[in-house]
């Protein structure tokens, strides 16, 4: 009899234990009891969530150009493109950066999708009264979001700069030789982390927090991911004083949601997009470093070939962190705003 009771107890206890291990802890919402304090400026969205933001450059009332910058993975509003004050004053540039949902001081969005972030950006622009059109720039995972903005809010865009964008290996229209080539440039542990994010998103938290197998090397800042050029720029990125704030609400609502959305199952592909600026009133610029080991360049090359309206800039001596190189931010901005010619690989 006691054996049956033991089996029954185990049958109840073990699934419950497994379920508890798979579930991420609840987020520590900024401003809630026991949560991190609110230190930045925030705006409230229609659904009640808040986005924290940071303004730089000239005052928006005096600006000729208004730019929203979308940060990458494991970053926040303080990681805006480092446009020089001199250029901002010369051209009249206002830059708005914000914490994407779940990062730093922006509320998590448990229902986030590739579309929801584009709509958040549009609502942010309206809340801050940026006018009917604005420019967009996005880096890395923020670069991938630029495709969603071109899909869902293109009518609000004056021009777009896509910097070292993360890609989704399952986008429709990608030839298998292209997707497999990019896929096989990842470290084995990242193949598994991305595979889990796509096929088993409910397992993403456990996979990236367990100790049995190597999890995402990007989350762990594996030195093998940085090119020689990146290593020269790491001092500008790796020792940010605000780094503890980036994940302060919990890794699931920022890092893991980024992975499940970015590598998830999209109902469309950037390859299906049409030129949003057929009247010549704006341009889409795509920038990528040829030595990028974090986001291999092959996918950007293919997208630029198949989307002839994209102005492609390939940087032969740079890796993933090229926007931090001296003078590069100003070069990117001038190309976006003034229509400079594309840089070609040598």
C-alpha atoms as a PDB file:
ATOM      1  CA  UNK A   1       0.000   0.000   0.000  1.00  0.00           C
ATOM      2  CA  UNK A   2       2.782   2.451   0.949  1.00  0.00           C
ATOM      3  CA  UNK A   3       4.447   1.837  -2.431  1.00  0.00           C
ATOM      4  CA  UNK A   4       1.287   2.925  -4.239  1.00  0.00           C
ATOM      5  CA  UNK A   5       1.095   6.037  -2.073  1.00  0.00           C
ATOM      6  CA  UNK A   6       4.732   6.823  -2.821  1.00  0.00           C
ATOM      7  CA  UNK A   7       4.194   6.417  -6.558  1.00  0.00           C
ATOM      8  CA  UNK A   8       1.105   8.605  -6.412  1.00  0.00           C
ATOM      9  CA  UNK A   9       2.975  11.250  -4.405  1.00  0.00           C
ATOM     10  CA  UNK A  10       5.844  11.246  -6.882  1.00  0.00           C
ATOM     11  CA  UNK A  11       3.408  11.437  -9.785  1.00  0.00           C
ATOM     12  CA  UNK A  12       2.015  14.630  -8.271  1.00  0.00           C
ATOM     13  CA  UNK A  13       5.245  16.098  -6.882  1.00  0.00           C
ATOM     14  CA  UNK A  14       7.625  15.633  -9.812  1.00  0.00           C
ATOM     15  CA  UNK A  15       5.463  17.392 -12.463  1.00  0.00           C
ATOM     16  CA  UNK A  16       4.861  20.215  -9.998  1.00  0.00           C
ATOM     17  CA  UNK A  17       8.600  20.500  -9.365  1.00  0.00           C
ATOM     18  CA  UNK A  18       9.343  20.443 -13.088  1.00  0.00           C
ATOM     19  CA  UNK A  19       6.704  23.108 -13.748  1.00  0.00           C
ATOM     20  CA  UNK A  20       8.156  25.359 -11.049  1.00  0.00           C
ATOM     21  CA  UNK A  21      11.627  25.005 -12.580  1.00  0.00           C
ATOM     22  CA  UNK A  22      10.370  25.997 -16.032  1.00  0.00           C
ATOM     23  CA  UNK A  23       8.480  29.089 -14.891  1.00  0.00           C
ATOM     24  CA  UNK A  24      10.389  32.379 -14.760  1.00  0.00           C
ATOM     25  CA  UNK A  25      10.101  34.381 -11.548  1.00  0.00           C
ATOM     26  CA  UNK A  26       7.675  37.317 -11.653  1.00  0.00           C
ATOM     27  CA  UNK A  27       9.256  40.571 -12.804  1.00  0.00           C
ATOM     28  CA  UNK A  28      10.331  43.206 -10.293  1.00  0.00           C
ATOM     29  CA  UNK A  29       8.405  46.122 -11.765  1.00  0.00           C
ATOM     30  CA  UNK A  30      10.005  49.521 -11.308  1.00  0.00           C
ATOM     31  CA  UNK A  31       8.146  51.573  -8.712  1.00  0.00           C
ATOM     32  CA  UNK A  32       6.257  48.570  -7.292  1.00  0.00           C
ATOM     33  CA  UNK A  33       6.731  47.353  -3.704  1.00  0.00           C
ATOM     34  CA  UNK A  34      10.121  45.680  -3.568  1.00  0.00           C
ATOM     35  CA  UNK A  35      10.919  46.705  -7.144  1.00  0.00           C
ATOM     36  CA  UNK A  36      13.685  49.017  -8.382  1.00  0.00           C
ATOM     37  CA  UNK A  37      13.125  52.766  -8.045  1.00  0.00           C
ATOM     38  CA  UNK A  38      12.046  54.981 -10.922  1.00  0.00           C
ATOM     39  CA  UNK A  39      14.908  57.362 -11.671  1.00  0.00           C
ATOM     40  CA  UNK A  40      14.298  58.329 -15.304  1.00  0.00           C
ATOM     41  CA  UNK A  41      11.610  60.105 -17.265  1.00  0.00           C
ATOM     42  CA  UNK A  42       8.760  57.852 -18.386  1.00  0.00           C
ATOM     43  CA  UNK A  43       5.637  58.072 -20.511  1.00  0.00           C
ATOM     44  CA  UNK A  44       2.455  56.036 -20.104  1.00  0.00           C
ATOM     45  CA  UNK A  45       1.096  53.993 -23.006  1.00  0.00           C
ATOM     46  CA  UNK A  46      -2.580  53.361 -23.674  1.00  0.00           C
ATOM     47  CA  UNK A  47      -2.436  49.867 -22.172  1.00  0.00           C
ATOM     48  CA  UNK A  48      -1.021  51.227 -18.906  1.00  0.00           C
ATOM     49  CA  UNK A  49       2.617  50.243 -19.442  1.00  0.00           C
ATOM     50  CA  UNK A  50       5.376  52.818 -19.092  1.00  0.00           C
ATOM     51  CA  UNK A  51       8.397  53.441 -21.319  1.00  0.00           C
ATOM     52  CA  UNK A  52      11.440  55.218 -19.903  1.00  0.00           C
ATOM     53  CA  UNK A  53      13.175  57.534 -22.345  1.00  0.00           C
ATOM     54  CA  UNK A  54      16.144  59.868 -22.736  1.00  0.00           C
ATOM     55  CA  UNK A  55      16.413  62.970 -24.914  1.00  0.00           C
ATOM     56  CA  UNK A  56      19.660  64.315 -26.372  1.00  0.00           C
ATOM     57  CA  UNK A  57      20.832  66.755 -29.007  1.00  0.00           C
ATOM     58  CA  UNK A  58      18.993  70.020 -29.551  1.00  0.00           C
ATOM     59  CA  UNK A  59      15.567  70.657 -27.982  1.00  0.00           C
ATOM     60  CA  UNK A  60      12.859  69.040 -30.090  1.00  0.00           C
ATOM     61  CA  UNK A  61      11.089  72.388 -30.544  1.00  0.00           C
ATOM     62  CA  UNK A  62      14.198  73.657 -32.354  1.00  0.00           C
ATOM     63  CA  UNK A  63      15.095  70.435 -34.174  1.00  0.00           C
ATOM     64  CA  UNK A  64      15.154  70.068 -37.918  1.00  0.00           C
ATOM     65  CA  UNK A  65      15.579  66.297 -37.640  1.00  0.00           C
ATOM     66  CA  UNK A  66      13.934  64.061 -35.004  1.00  0.00           C
ATOM     67  CA  UNK A  67      15.420  60.592 -34.576  1.00  0.00           C
ATOM     68  CA  UNK A  68      14.275  57.679 -32.419  1.00  0.00           C
ATOM     69  CA  UNK A  69      17.054  55.219 -31.585  1.00  0.00           C
ATOM     70  CA  UNK A  70      16.231  51.592 -30.707  1.00  0.00           C
ATOM     71  CA  UNK A  71      18.861  49.846 -28.606  1.00  0.00           C
ATOM     72  CA  UNK A  72      20.087  46.289 -28.958  1.00  0.00           C
ATOM     73  CA  UNK A  73      20.218  43.181 -26.790  1.00  0.00           C
ATOM     74  CA  UNK A  74      21.141  43.658 -23.119  1.00  0.00           C
ATOM     75  CA  UNK A  75      21.188  47.450 -23.465  1.00  0.00           C
ATOM     76  CA  UNK A  76      19.023  50.429 -22.559  1.00  0.00           C
ATOM     77  CA  UNK A  77      18.173  54.047 -23.312  1.00  0.00           C
ATOM     78  CA  UNK A  78      21.642  55.205 -22.297  1.00  0.00           C
ATOM     79  CA  UNK A  79      23.117  53.271 -25.229  1.00  0.00           C
ATOM     80  CA  UNK A  80      21.899  55.751 -27.829  1.00  0.00           C
ATOM     81  CA  UNK A  81      24.017  56.365 -30.904  1.00  0.00           C
ATOM     82  CA  UNK A  82      26.863  58.669 -29.769  1.00  0.00           C
ATOM     83  CA  UNK A  83      26.186  61.552 -32.159  1.00  0.00           C
ATOM     84  CA  UNK A  84      28.660  64.359 -31.518  1.00  0.00           C
ATOM     85  CA  UNK A  85      27.217  67.522 -29.922  1.00  0.00           C
ATOM     86  CA  UNK A  86      28.827  69.493 -32.742  1.00  0.00           C
ATOM     87  CA  UNK A  87      26.925  67.619 -35.459  1.00  0.00           C
ATOM     88  CA  UNK A  88      23.686  67.745 -33.472  1.00  0.00           C
ATOM     89  CA  UNK A  89      23.992  71.511 -33.240  1.00  0.00           C
ATOM     90  CA  UNK A  90      25.093  71.946 -36.850  1.00  0.00           C
ATOM     91  CA  UNK A  91      22.226  69.945 -38.360  1.00  0.00           C
ATOM     92  CA  UNK A  92      19.614  70.498 -35.654  1.00  0.00           C
ATOM     93  CA  UNK A  93      19.307  66.879 -34.479  1.00  0.00           C
ATOM     94  CA  UNK A  94      17.080  65.733 -31.631  1.00  0.00           C
ATOM     95  CA  UNK A  95      17.590  62.098 -30.581  1.00  0.00           C
ATOM     96  CA  UNK A  96      15.127  60.111 -28.479  1.00  0.00           C
ATOM     97  CA  UNK A  97      16.211  56.777 -27.044  1.00  0.00           C
ATOM     98  CA  UNK A  98      14.095  54.564 -24.786  1.00  0.00           C
ATOM     99  CA  UNK A  99      14.239  51.384 -22.757  1.00  0.00           C
ATOM    100  CA  UNK A 100      12.530  48.652 -24.716  1.00  0.00           C
ATOM    101  CA  UNK A 101       9.873  46.754 -22.712  1.00  0.00           C
ATOM    102  CA  UNK A 102      11.366  44.875 -19.767  1.00  0.00           C
ATOM    103  CA  UNK A 103      14.714  46.636 -19.943  1.00  0.00           C
ATOM    104  CA  UNK A 104      15.966  49.054 -17.254  1.00  0.00           C
ATOM    105  CA  UNK A 105      12.924  51.179 -16.298  1.00  0.00           C
ATOM    106  CA  UNK A 106      10.336  50.288 -18.960  1.00  0.00           C
ATOM    107  CA  UNK A 107       7.560  47.934 -17.908  1.00  0.00           C
ATOM    108  CA  UNK A 108       7.718  44.418 -19.349  1.00  0.00           C
ATOM    109  CA  UNK A 109       5.193  43.432 -21.998  1.00  0.00           C
ATOM    110  CA  UNK A 110       4.191  39.784 -21.454  1.00  0.00           C
ATOM    111  CA  UNK A 111       2.266  39.896 -24.740  1.00  0.00           C
ATOM    112  CA  UNK A 112       5.112  41.350 -26.816  1.00  0.00           C
ATOM    113  CA  UNK A 113       5.358  40.449 -30.500  1.00  0.00           C
ATOM    114  CA  UNK A 114       7.365  41.715 -33.454  1.00  0.00           C
ATOM    115  CA  UNK A 115       4.444  44.055 -34.171  1.00  0.00           C
ATOM    116  CA  UNK A 116       3.868  45.371 -30.648  1.00  0.00           C
ATOM    117  CA  UNK A 117       7.259  47.058 -30.409  1.00  0.00           C
ATOM    118  CA  UNK A 118       6.619  48.959 -33.654  1.00  0.00           C
ATOM    119  CA  UNK A 119       3.310  50.196 -32.259  1.00  0.00           C
ATOM    120  CA  UNK A 120       5.045  51.143 -28.996  1.00  0.00           C
ATOM    121  CA  UNK A 121       7.474  53.286 -30.969  1.00  0.00           C
ATOM    122  CA  UNK A 122       4.649  54.997 -32.818  1.00  0.00           C
ATOM    123  CA  UNK A 123       2.826  55.718 -29.546  1.00  0.00           C
ATOM    124  CA  UNK A 124       6.034  56.977 -27.945  1.00  0.00           C
ATOM    125  CA  UNK A 125       6.489  59.420 -30.836  1.00  0.00           C
ATOM    126  CA  UNK A 126       2.917  60.636 -30.407  1.00  0.00           C
ATOM    127  CA  UNK A 127       3.241  61.025 -26.636  1.00  0.00           C
ATOM    128  CA  UNK A 128       6.313  63.169 -27.105  1.00  0.00           C
ATOM    129  CA  UNK A 129       4.728  65.094 -29.988  1.00  0.00           C
ATOM    130  CA  UNK A 130       7.418  64.375 -32.567  1.00  0.00           C
ATOM    131  CA  UNK A 131       5.089  65.156 -35.447  1.00  0.00           C
ATOM    132  CA  UNK A 132       3.697  63.100 -38.322  1.00  0.00           C
ATOM    133  CA  UNK A 133       7.081  61.692 -39.385  1.00  0.00           C
ATOM    134  CA  UNK A 134      10.386  60.901 -37.720  1.00  0.00           C
ATOM    135  CA  UNK A 135      13.636  59.050 -38.439  1.00  0.00           C
ATOM    136  CA  UNK A 136      14.485  55.670 -36.967  1.00  0.00           C
ATOM    137  CA  UNK A 137      17.794  53.994 -36.175  1.00  0.00           C
ATOM    138  CA  UNK A 138      18.192  50.557 -34.616  1.00  0.00           C
ATOM    139  CA  UNK A 139      21.232  48.517 -33.608  1.00  0.00           C
ATOM    140  CA  UNK A 140      21.595  44.719 -33.425  1.00  0.00           C
ATOM    141  CA  UNK A 141      18.321  43.356 -31.996  1.00  0.00           C
ATOM    142  CA  UNK A 142      17.048  46.911 -32.377  1.00  0.00           C
ATOM    143  CA  UNK A 143      18.125  46.661 -36.006  1.00  0.00           C
ATOM    144  CA  UNK A 144      15.871  43.653 -36.524  1.00  0.00           C
ATOM    145  CA  UNK A 145      13.017  45.742 -35.119  1.00  0.00           C
ATOM    146  CA  UNK A 146      13.522  48.214 -37.978  1.00  0.00           C
ATOM    147  CA  UNK A 147      12.052  45.633 -40.376  1.00  0.00           C
ATOM    148  CA  UNK A 148       8.925  45.459 -38.183  1.00  0.00           C
ATOM    149  CA  UNK A 149       8.647  49.246 -38.218  1.00  0.00           C
ATOM    150  CA  UNK A 150       8.955  49.263 -42.013  1.00  0.00           C
ATOM    151  CA  UNK A 151       6.153  46.704 -42.101  1.00  0.00           C
ATOM    152  CA  UNK A 152       3.740  48.236 -39.578  1.00  0.00           C
ATOM    153  CA  UNK A 153       4.416  51.995 -39.287  1.00  0.00           C
ATOM    154  CA  UNK A 154       6.144  52.927 -42.547  1.00  0.00           C
ATOM    155  CA  UNK A 155       3.709  55.841 -42.992  1.00  0.00           C
ATOM    156  CA  UNK A 156       5.343  57.527 -39.987  1.00  0.00           C
ATOM    157  CA  UNK A 157       8.935  57.186 -41.141  1.00  0.00           C
ATOM    158  CA  UNK A 158      11.126  59.811 -42.812  1.00  0.00           C
ATOM    159  CA  UNK A 159      14.131  57.482 -43.119  1.00  0.00           C
ATOM    160  CA  UNK A 160      15.631  54.406 -41.447  1.00  0.00           C
ATOM    161  CA  UNK A 161      19.147  53.274 -40.520  1.00  0.00           C
ATOM    162  CA  UNK A 162      19.508  49.551 -39.761  1.00  0.00           C
ATOM    163  CA  UNK A 163      22.774  48.785 -37.953  1.00  0.00           C
ATOM    164  CA  UNK A 164      24.173  45.230 -37.724  1.00  0.00           C
ATOM    165  CA  UNK A 165      20.666  43.734 -37.555  1.00  0.00           C
ATOM    166  CA  UNK A 166      19.950  40.377 -35.977  1.00  0.00           C
ATOM    167  CA  UNK A 167      18.162  38.051 -38.392  1.00  0.00           C
ATOM    168  CA  UNK A 168      15.634  35.272 -38.039  1.00  0.00           C
ATOM    169  CA  UNK A 169      16.820  32.036 -39.649  1.00  0.00           C
ATOM    170  CA  UNK A 170      13.227  30.978 -40.304  1.00  0.00           C
ATOM    171  CA  UNK A 171      12.085  34.001 -42.314  1.00  0.00           C
ATOM    172  CA  UNK A 172      10.192  32.817 -45.375  1.00  0.00           C
ATOM    173  CA  UNK A 173      11.938  33.385 -48.668  1.00  0.00           C
ATOM    174  CA  UNK A 174      15.428  32.743 -47.337  1.00  0.00           C
ATOM    175  CA  UNK A 175      17.186  30.109 -49.443  1.00  0.00           C
ATOM    176  CA  UNK A 176      18.413  27.197 -47.358  1.00  0.00           C
ATOM    177  CA  UNK A 177      22.024  27.752 -48.413  1.00  0.00           C
ATOM    178  CA  UNK A 178      21.888  31.327 -47.050  1.00  0.00           C
ATOM    179  CA  UNK A 179      20.141  30.499 -43.771  1.00  0.00           C
ATOM    180  CA  UNK A 180      22.350  27.451 -43.165  1.00  0.00           C
ATOM    181  CA  UNK A 181      25.508  29.409 -43.915  1.00  0.00           C
ATOM    182  CA  UNK A 182      24.591  32.027 -41.320  1.00  0.00           C
ATOM    183  CA  UNK A 183      23.325  29.383 -38.889  1.00  0.00           C
ATOM    184  CA  UNK A 184      26.596  27.471 -38.980  1.00  0.00           C
ATOM    185  CA  UNK A 185      28.622  30.560 -38.137  1.00  0.00           C
ATOM    186  CA  UNK A 186      27.186  30.490 -34.611  1.00  0.00           C
ATOM    187  CA  UNK A 187      28.811  28.785 -31.660  1.00  0.00           C
ATOM    188  CA  UNK A 188      27.169  25.391 -30.939  1.00  0.00           C
ATOM    189  CA  UNK A 189      25.661  26.639 -27.664  1.00  0.00           C
ATOM    190  CA  UNK A 190      24.034  29.566 -29.468  1.00  0.00           C
ATOM    191  CA  UNK A 191      22.533  27.245 -32.050  1.00  0.00           C
ATOM    192  CA  UNK A 192      20.820  25.433 -29.196  1.00  0.00           C
ATOM    193  CA  UNK A 193      19.715  28.636 -27.454  1.00  0.00           C
ATOM    194  CA  UNK A 194      18.218  30.024 -30.669  1.00  0.00           C
ATOM    195  CA  UNK A 195      16.649  26.677 -31.563  1.00  0.00           C
ATOM    196  CA  UNK A 196      14.930  26.510 -28.166  1.00  0.00           C
ATOM    197  CA  UNK A 197      13.705  30.121 -28.523  1.00  0.00           C
ATOM    198  CA  UNK A 198      12.082  29.298 -31.857  1.00  0.00           C
ATOM    199  CA  UNK A 199      10.686  25.799 -31.331  1.00  0.00           C
ATOM    200  CA  UNK A 200      10.161  25.693 -27.535  1.00  0.00           C
ATOM    201  CA  UNK A 201       9.747  29.310 -26.383  1.00  0.00           C
ATOM    202  CA  UNK A 202       8.210  28.173 -23.083  1.00  0.00           C
ATOM    203  CA  UNK A 203      11.564  26.525 -22.294  1.00  0.00           C
ATOM    204  CA  UNK A 204      13.693  29.618 -22.976  1.00  0.00           C
ATOM    205  CA  UNK A 205      13.950  30.790 -19.366  1.00  0.00           C
ATOM    206  CA  UNK A 206      14.988  27.368 -18.106  1.00  0.00           C
ATOM    207  CA  UNK A 207      17.490  26.841 -20.919  1.00  0.00           C
ATOM    208  CA  UNK A 208      19.270  30.118 -20.258  1.00  0.00           C
ATOM    209  CA  UNK A 209      19.304  29.715 -16.482  1.00  0.00           C
ATOM    210  CA  UNK A 210      20.153  25.995 -16.083  1.00  0.00           C
ATOM    211  CA  UNK A 211      23.714  24.784 -15.431  1.00  0.00           C
ATOM    212  CA  UNK A 212      23.644  21.413 -17.190  1.00  0.00           C
ATOM    213  CA  UNK A 213      24.454  22.714 -20.684  1.00  0.00           C
ATOM    214  CA  UNK A 214      26.096  25.891 -21.974  1.00  0.00           C
ATOM    215  CA  UNK A 215      23.405  28.530 -22.554  1.00  0.00           C
ATOM    216  CA  UNK A 216      23.542  31.650 -24.737  1.00  0.00           C
ATOM    217  CA  UNK A 217      27.106  32.899 -25.145  1.00  0.00           C
ATOM    218  CA  UNK A 218      25.739  36.355 -25.987  1.00  0.00           C
ATOM    219  CA  UNK A 219      24.116  36.624 -22.552  1.00  0.00           C
ATOM    220  CA  UNK A 220      27.385  35.445 -20.989  1.00  0.00           C
ATOM    221  CA  UNK A 221      29.515  37.897 -23.037  1.00  0.00           C
ATOM    222  CA  UNK A 222      31.752  35.113 -24.362  1.00  0.00           C
ATOM    223  CA  UNK A 223      35.027  36.741 -25.560  1.00  0.00           C
ATOM    224  CA  UNK A 224      35.010  34.452 -28.613  1.00  0.00           C
ATOM    225  CA  UNK A 225      32.157  36.540 -30.049  1.00  0.00           C
ATOM    226  CA  UNK A 226      34.209  39.709 -30.398  1.00  0.00           C
ATOM    227  CA  UNK A 227      36.346  40.448 -33.429  1.00  0.00           C
ATOM    228  CA  UNK A 228      39.723  42.118 -33.091  1.00  0.00           C
ATOM    229  CA  UNK A 229      38.100  45.415 -34.045  1.00  0.00           C
ATOM    230  CA  UNK A 230      35.384  44.902 -31.421  1.00  0.00           C
ATOM    231  CA  UNK A 231      37.957  44.293 -28.699  1.00  0.00           C
ATOM    232  CA  UNK A 232      39.392  47.746 -29.323  1.00  0.00           C
ATOM    233  CA  UNK A 233      35.945  49.254 -28.693  1.00  0.00           C
ATOM    234  CA  UNK A 234      34.823  47.124 -25.736  1.00  0.00           C
ATOM    235  CA  UNK A 235      35.976  49.664 -23.167  1.00  0.00           C
ATOM    236  CA  UNK A 236      33.186  51.930 -24.434  1.00  0.00           C
ATOM    237  CA  UNK A 237      30.556  49.243 -23.897  1.00  0.00           C
ATOM    238  CA  UNK A 238      31.565  46.621 -21.353  1.00  0.00           C
ATOM    239  CA  UNK A 239      32.126  48.936 -18.392  1.00  0.00           C
ATOM    240  CA  UNK A 240      28.950  50.979 -18.478  1.00  0.00           C
ATOM    241  CA  UNK A 241      28.129  52.308 -15.005  1.00  0.00           C
ATOM    242  CA  UNK A 242      24.411  51.670 -15.538  1.00  0.00           C
ATOM    243  CA  UNK A 243      24.789  47.979 -16.479  1.00  0.00           C
ATOM    244  CA  UNK A 244      23.135  46.706 -13.251  1.00  0.00           C
ATOM    245  CA  UNK A 245      19.970  48.612 -14.199  1.00  0.00           C
ATOM    246  CA  UNK A 246      19.564  46.906 -17.567  1.00  0.00           C
ATOM    247  CA  UNK A 247      18.391  43.524 -16.182  1.00  0.00           C
ATOM    248  CA  UNK A 248      17.070  44.833 -12.855  1.00  0.00           C
ATOM    249  CA  UNK A 249      13.450  43.777 -13.495  1.00  0.00           C
ATOM    250  CA  UNK A 250      14.456  40.228 -14.351  1.00  0.00           C
ATOM    251  CA  UNK A 251      16.128  38.603 -17.341  1.00  0.00           C
ATOM    252  CA  UNK A 252      13.006  36.911 -18.631  1.00  0.00           C
ATOM    253  CA  UNK A 253      11.135  40.125 -19.453  1.00  0.00           C
ATOM    254  CA  UNK A 254      14.038  41.567 -21.426  1.00  0.00           C
ATOM    255  CA  UNK A 255      16.685  39.110 -22.649  1.00  0.00           C
ATOM    256  CA  UNK A 256      14.532  36.017 -22.973  1.00  0.00           C
ATOM    257  CA  UNK A 257      11.554  37.848 -24.482  1.00  0.00           C
ATOM    258  CA  UNK A 258      13.946  39.394 -26.984  1.00  0.00           C
ATOM    259  CA  UNK A 259      15.004  35.903 -28.041  1.00  0.00           C
ATOM    260  CA  UNK A 260      11.528  34.390 -28.265  1.00  0.00           C
ATOM    261  CA  UNK A 261      10.229  37.334 -30.320  1.00  0.00           C
ATOM    262  CA  UNK A 262      13.302  37.945 -32.471  1.00  0.00           C
ATOM    263  CA  UNK A 263      13.797  34.261 -33.302  1.00  0.00           C
ATOM    264  CA  UNK A 264      10.128  33.322 -33.072  1.00  0.00           C
ATOM    265  CA  UNK A 265       7.630  32.391 -35.758  1.00  0.00           C
ATOM    266  CA  UNK A 266       6.927  35.478 -37.837  1.00  0.00           C
ATOM    267  CA  UNK A 267       3.913  35.501 -40.149  1.00  0.00           C
ATOM    268  CA  UNK A 268       5.857  37.536 -42.720  1.00  0.00           C
ATOM    269  CA  UNK A 269       9.404  38.164 -43.901  1.00  0.00           C
ATOM    270  CA  UNK A 270      11.441  41.324 -44.629  1.00  0.00           C
ATOM    271  CA  UNK A 271      11.924  39.876 -48.103  1.00  0.00           C
ATOM    272  CA  UNK A 272       8.241  40.628 -48.742  1.00  0.00           C
ATOM    273  CA  UNK A 273       8.596  44.345 -47.986  1.00  0.00           C
ATOM    274  CA  UNK A 274       8.238  46.982 -50.673  1.00  0.00           C
ATOM    275  CA  UNK A 275      10.026  50.316 -50.832  1.00  0.00           C
ATOM    276  CA  UNK A 276       8.256  52.605 -48.327  1.00  0.00           C
ATOM    277  CA  UNK A 277       9.774  55.688 -49.959  1.00  0.00           C
ATOM    278  CA  UNK A 278       8.703  55.312 -53.577  1.00  0.00           C
ATOM    279  CA  UNK A 279       8.433  59.078 -53.905  1.00  0.00           C
ATOM    280  CA  UNK A 280      12.078  59.522 -53.016  1.00  0.00           C
ATOM    281  CA  UNK A 281      11.267  61.321 -49.773  1.00  0.00           C
ATOM    282  CA  UNK A 282      13.457  59.006 -47.640  1.00  0.00           C
ATOM    283  CA  UNK A 283      15.841  56.072 -47.681  1.00  0.00           C
ATOM    284  CA  UNK A 284      16.541  52.847 -45.831  1.00  0.00           C
ATOM    285  CA  UNK A 285      20.229  52.390 -45.011  1.00  0.00           C
ATOM    286  CA  UNK A 286      21.657  49.037 -43.920  1.00  0.00           C
ATOM    287  CA  UNK A 287      25.084  48.992 -42.237  1.00  0.00           C
ATOM    288  CA  UNK A 288      27.097  45.911 -41.299  1.00  0.00           C
ATOM    289  CA  UNK A 289      30.693  45.120 -40.331  1.00  0.00           C
ATOM    290  CA  UNK A 290      32.303  42.408 -42.443  1.00  0.00           C
ATOM    291  CA  UNK A 291      34.122  40.975 -39.396  1.00  0.00           C
ATOM    292  CA  UNK A 292      30.976  40.731 -37.237  1.00  0.00           C
ATOM    293  CA  UNK A 293      31.124  37.496 -35.214  1.00  0.00           C
ATOM    294  CA  UNK A 294      27.961  38.153 -33.180  1.00  0.00           C
ATOM    295  CA  UNK A 295      25.644  38.721 -36.155  1.00  0.00           C
ATOM    296  CA  UNK A 296      27.312  37.292 -39.289  1.00  0.00           C
ATOM    297  CA  UNK A 297      27.051  39.572 -42.291  1.00  0.00           C
ATOM    298  CA  UNK A 298      25.759  37.036 -44.850  1.00  0.00           C
ATOM    299  CA  UNK A 299      22.080  37.681 -44.158  1.00  0.00           C
ATOM    300  CA  UNK A 300      22.476  41.459 -44.516  1.00  0.00           C
ATOM    301  CA  UNK A 301      24.257  40.938 -47.822  1.00  0.00           C
ATOM    302  CA  UNK A 302      21.428  38.764 -49.095  1.00  0.00           C
ATOM    303  CA  UNK A 303      18.689  41.142 -47.946  1.00  0.00           C
ATOM    304  CA  UNK A 304      20.414  44.107 -49.583  1.00  0.00           C
ATOM    305  CA  UNK A 305      20.687  42.177 -52.856  1.00  0.00           C
ATOM    306  CA  UNK A 306      17.007  41.227 -52.841  1.00  0.00           C
ATOM    307  CA  UNK A 307      15.749  44.641 -51.693  1.00  0.00           C
ATOM    308  CA  UNK A 308      17.267  47.048 -54.233  1.00  0.00           C
ATOM    309  CA  UNK A 309      15.780  50.074 -52.468  1.00  0.00           C
ATOM    310  CA  UNK A 310      18.030  49.451 -49.448  1.00  0.00           C
ATOM    311  CA  UNK A 311      21.246  51.509 -49.472  1.00  0.00           C
ATOM    312  CA  UNK A 312      23.895  49.052 -48.315  1.00  0.00           C
ATOM    313  CA  UNK A 313      27.054  50.009 -46.418  1.00  0.00           C
ATOM    314  CA  UNK A 314      29.557  47.226 -45.774  1.00  0.00           C
ATOM    315  CA  UNK A 315      32.445  48.043 -43.453  1.00  0.00           C
ATOM    316  CA  UNK A 316      35.379  45.711 -44.233  1.00  0.00           C
ATOM    317  CA  UNK A 317      37.490  46.333 -41.120  1.00  0.00           C
ATOM    318  CA  UNK A 318      34.771  46.426 -38.471  1.00  0.00           C
ATOM    319  CA  UNK A 319      32.890  43.940 -36.297  1.00  0.00           C
ATOM    320  CA  UNK A 320      29.595  44.195 -34.466  1.00  0.00           C
ATOM    321  CA  UNK A 321      30.444  47.225 -32.360  1.00  0.00           C
ATOM    322  CA  UNK A 322      31.260  49.555 -35.269  1.00  0.00           C
ATOM    323  CA  UNK A 323      28.751  52.296 -34.221  1.00  0.00           C
ATOM    324  CA  UNK A 324      31.070  53.038 -31.264  1.00  0.00           C
ATOM    325  CA  UNK A 325      34.123  53.723 -33.443  1.00  0.00           C
ATOM    326  CA  UNK A 326      35.319  57.313 -33.413  1.00  0.00           C
ATOM    327  CA  UNK A 327      33.328  59.383 -35.899  1.00  0.00           C
ATOM    328  CA  UNK A 328      31.186  56.464 -37.101  1.00  0.00           C
ATOM    329  CA  UNK A 329      27.967  57.690 -35.476  1.00  0.00           C
ATOM    330  CA  UNK A 330      28.261  61.023 -37.281  1.00  0.00           C
ATOM    331  CA  UNK A 331      28.943  59.242 -40.575  1.00  0.00           C
ATOM    332  CA  UNK A 332      25.824  57.082 -40.139  1.00  0.00           C
ATOM    333  CA  UNK A 333      23.632  60.055 -39.266  1.00  0.00           C
ATOM    334  CA  UNK A 334      24.863  62.230 -42.120  1.00  0.00           C
ATOM    335  CA  UNK A 335      24.215  59.389 -44.542  1.00  0.00           C
ATOM    336  CA  UNK A 336      20.675  58.999 -43.229  1.00  0.00           C
ATOM    337  CA  UNK A 337      19.792  62.690 -43.135  1.00  0.00           C
ATOM    338  CA  UNK A 338      21.794  64.108 -46.027  1.00  0.00           C
ATOM    339  CA  UNK A 339      21.817  61.180 -48.452  1.00  0.00           C
ATOM    340  CA  UNK A 340      25.530  60.418 -48.630  1.00  0.00           C
ATOM    341  CA  UNK A 341      26.555  57.668 -51.018  1.00  0.00           C
ATOM    342  CA  UNK A 342      26.941  54.105 -49.709  1.00  0.00           C
ATOM    343  CA  UNK A 343      30.299  52.833 -48.527  1.00  0.00           C
ATOM    344  CA  UNK A 344      31.447  49.720 -50.333  1.00  0.00           C
ATOM    345  CA  UNK A 345      33.650  46.895 -49.141  1.00  0.00           C
ATOM    346  CA  UNK A 346      37.217  46.995 -50.395  1.00  0.00           C
END
